[in-house]
Structures are given as C-alpha cells and as structure tokens.
Amino acid sequence: MAVVAKVRKETQWSVTELAKKLGEDQSMCSKMLFVDEHATPAIKARLDESAIDFESAYLLAHQTAAEQDQIASLGKIKREQVKRLVKGN
C-alpha cells in the first residue's frame, strides 16, 4: 500500500491513471490510498502480520485512531468480528 502512495506522489498520477498503470482496479487503488493515509501504525502492522485482512483494515481506517488502536490490540481478528465491532460504534 505504501508503495502505491509513493508511486502516486512521485508521478502525480490520478487514481484512474495509477490503477491503469499498475493493472489494478480503480476502487482497490482508492482503498489502498485511503488505508495508507488513515490507518494507524497499529492497524498497518496487523495488516503486515496478516492478523487482519485488507478489507478489515479498510473498514477500520474509517474509525478514530483510538478505536483503531483498541481493535488492533486484540491481535488476530476475523473480518466478521471487525464488521460487528465497527457496526457497534
């Protein structure tokens, strides 16, 4: 994800152009950029460790930093659990 953000910053490509150049879906590129910008370091670490999946990281990136860190402290967590926790907020 950080690579996508770095490439975009260096090239100044639009998300559409970035997706096309990387052979990726535009919505996925948008999500990667969102997670890179809004997820806390704890969430990014859990993603790197495969303790959460990408869709969970995306959902969590919409939460406050405190909420993200609280959920990240739970360790390995499944997407359904993340959905329930996020829905409860």
Protein backbone atom coordinates (compact mmCIF):
# COMPACT_ATOMS: atom_id res chain seq x y z
CA MET A 1 0.00 0.00 0.00
CA ALA A 2 2.70 2.45 0.89
CA VAL A 3 4.26 1.69 -2.47
CA VAL A 4 1.06 2.76 -4.25
CA ALA A 5 1.01 6.04 -2.31
CA LYS A 6 4.69 6.60 -3.04
CA VAL A 7 4.23 5.98 -6.78
CA ARG A 8 1.25 8.33 -6.86
CA LYS A 9 3.15 11.05 -5.04
CA GLU A 10 6.20 10.74 -7.28
CA THR A 11 4.24 10.60 -10.55
CA GLN A 12 1.27 12.83 -9.65
CA TRP A 13 -0.95 10.35 -11.49
CA SER A 14 -4.70 10.39 -10.87
CA VAL A 15 -6.16 7.32 -9.18
CA THR A 16 -7.56 6.22 -12.55
CA GLU A 17 -4.18 6.55 -14.23
CA LEU A 18 -2.41 4.89 -11.30
CA ALA A 19 -4.78 1.92 -11.44
CA LYS A 20 -4.34 1.56 -15.18
CA LYS A 21 -0.52 1.71 -14.96
CA LEU A 22 -0.44 -0.82 -12.10
CA GLY A 23 -3.00 -3.12 -13.70
CA GLU A 24 -5.18 -2.77 -10.61
CA ASP A 25 -8.86 -1.97 -10.14
CA GLN A 26 -9.50 1.74 -9.55
CA SER A 27 -11.58 1.10 -6.43
CA MET A 28 -8.81 -1.07 -4.98
CA CYS A 29 -6.23 1.66 -5.59
CA SER A 30 -8.52 4.16 -3.88
CA LYS A 31 -8.90 1.83 -0.91
CA MET A 32 -5.14 1.27 -0.68
CA LEU A 33 -4.51 5.01 -0.68
CA PHE A 34 -7.21 5.52 1.97
CA VAL A 35 -5.74 2.85 4.26
CA ASP A 36 -2.25 4.26 3.77
CA GLU A 37 -3.46 7.72 4.74
CA HIS A 38 -5.95 6.95 7.53
CA ALA A 39 -5.00 3.68 9.20
CA THR A 40 -2.93 3.92 12.35
CA PRO A 41 0.51 2.31 12.54
CA ALA A 42 -1.01 -0.41 14.74
CA ILE A 43 -3.57 -1.33 12.07
CA LYS A 44 -0.91 -1.28 9.36
CA ALA A 45 1.26 -3.56 11.48
CA ARG A 46 -1.62 -6.03 11.96
CA LEU A 47 -2.18 -5.98 8.21
CA ASP A 48 1.53 -6.63 7.54
CA GLU A 49 1.41 -9.52 10.06
CA SER A 50 -1.73 -10.94 8.38
CA ALA A 51 -3.55 -10.58 11.69
CA ILE A 52 -6.28 -8.73 9.78
CA ASP A 53 -7.18 -8.78 6.11
CA PHE A 54 -7.16 -5.78 3.81
CA GLU A 55 -10.94 -5.25 3.84
CA SER A 56 -10.85 -5.18 7.65
CA ALA A 57 -8.06 -2.61 7.57
CA TYR A 58 -10.14 -0.53 5.17
CA LEU A 59 -13.17 -0.68 7.47
CA LEU A 60 -11.05 0.18 10.49
CA ALA A 61 -9.35 3.10 8.71
CA HIS A 62 -12.72 4.88 8.86
CA GLN A 63 -12.71 4.74 12.66
CA THR A 64 -10.98 7.10 15.08
CA ALA A 65 -7.33 6.45 15.89
CA ALA A 66 -8.27 5.39 19.42
CA GLU A 67 -10.83 2.89 18.12
CA GLN A 68 -8.36 1.52 15.58
CA ASP A 69 -5.68 1.04 18.21
CA GLN A 70 -8.11 -0.60 20.61
CA ILE A 71 -9.16 -3.12 17.97
CA ALA A 72 -5.55 -3.65 16.84
CA SER A 73 -4.64 -4.56 20.41
CA LEU A 74 -6.94 -7.59 20.14
CA GLY A 75 -4.38 -9.30 17.89
CA LYS A 76 -5.60 -11.61 15.13
CA ILE A 77 -9.19 -10.81 14.28
CA LYS A 78 -11.54 -12.03 11.56
CA ARG A 79 -13.42 -9.77 9.16
CA GLU A 80 -16.81 -10.69 10.64
CA GLN A 81 -15.57 -9.65 14.07
CA VAL A 82 -14.33 -6.35 12.67
CA LYS A 83 -17.69 -5.74 11.00
CA ARG A 84 -19.51 -6.34 14.28
CA LEU A 85 -17.15 -4.10 16.22
CA VAL A 86 -17.38 -1.31 13.65
CA LYS A 87 -21.15 -1.61 13.40
CA GLY A 88 -21.41 -1.28 17.18
CA ASN A 89 -19.80 2.20 17.05
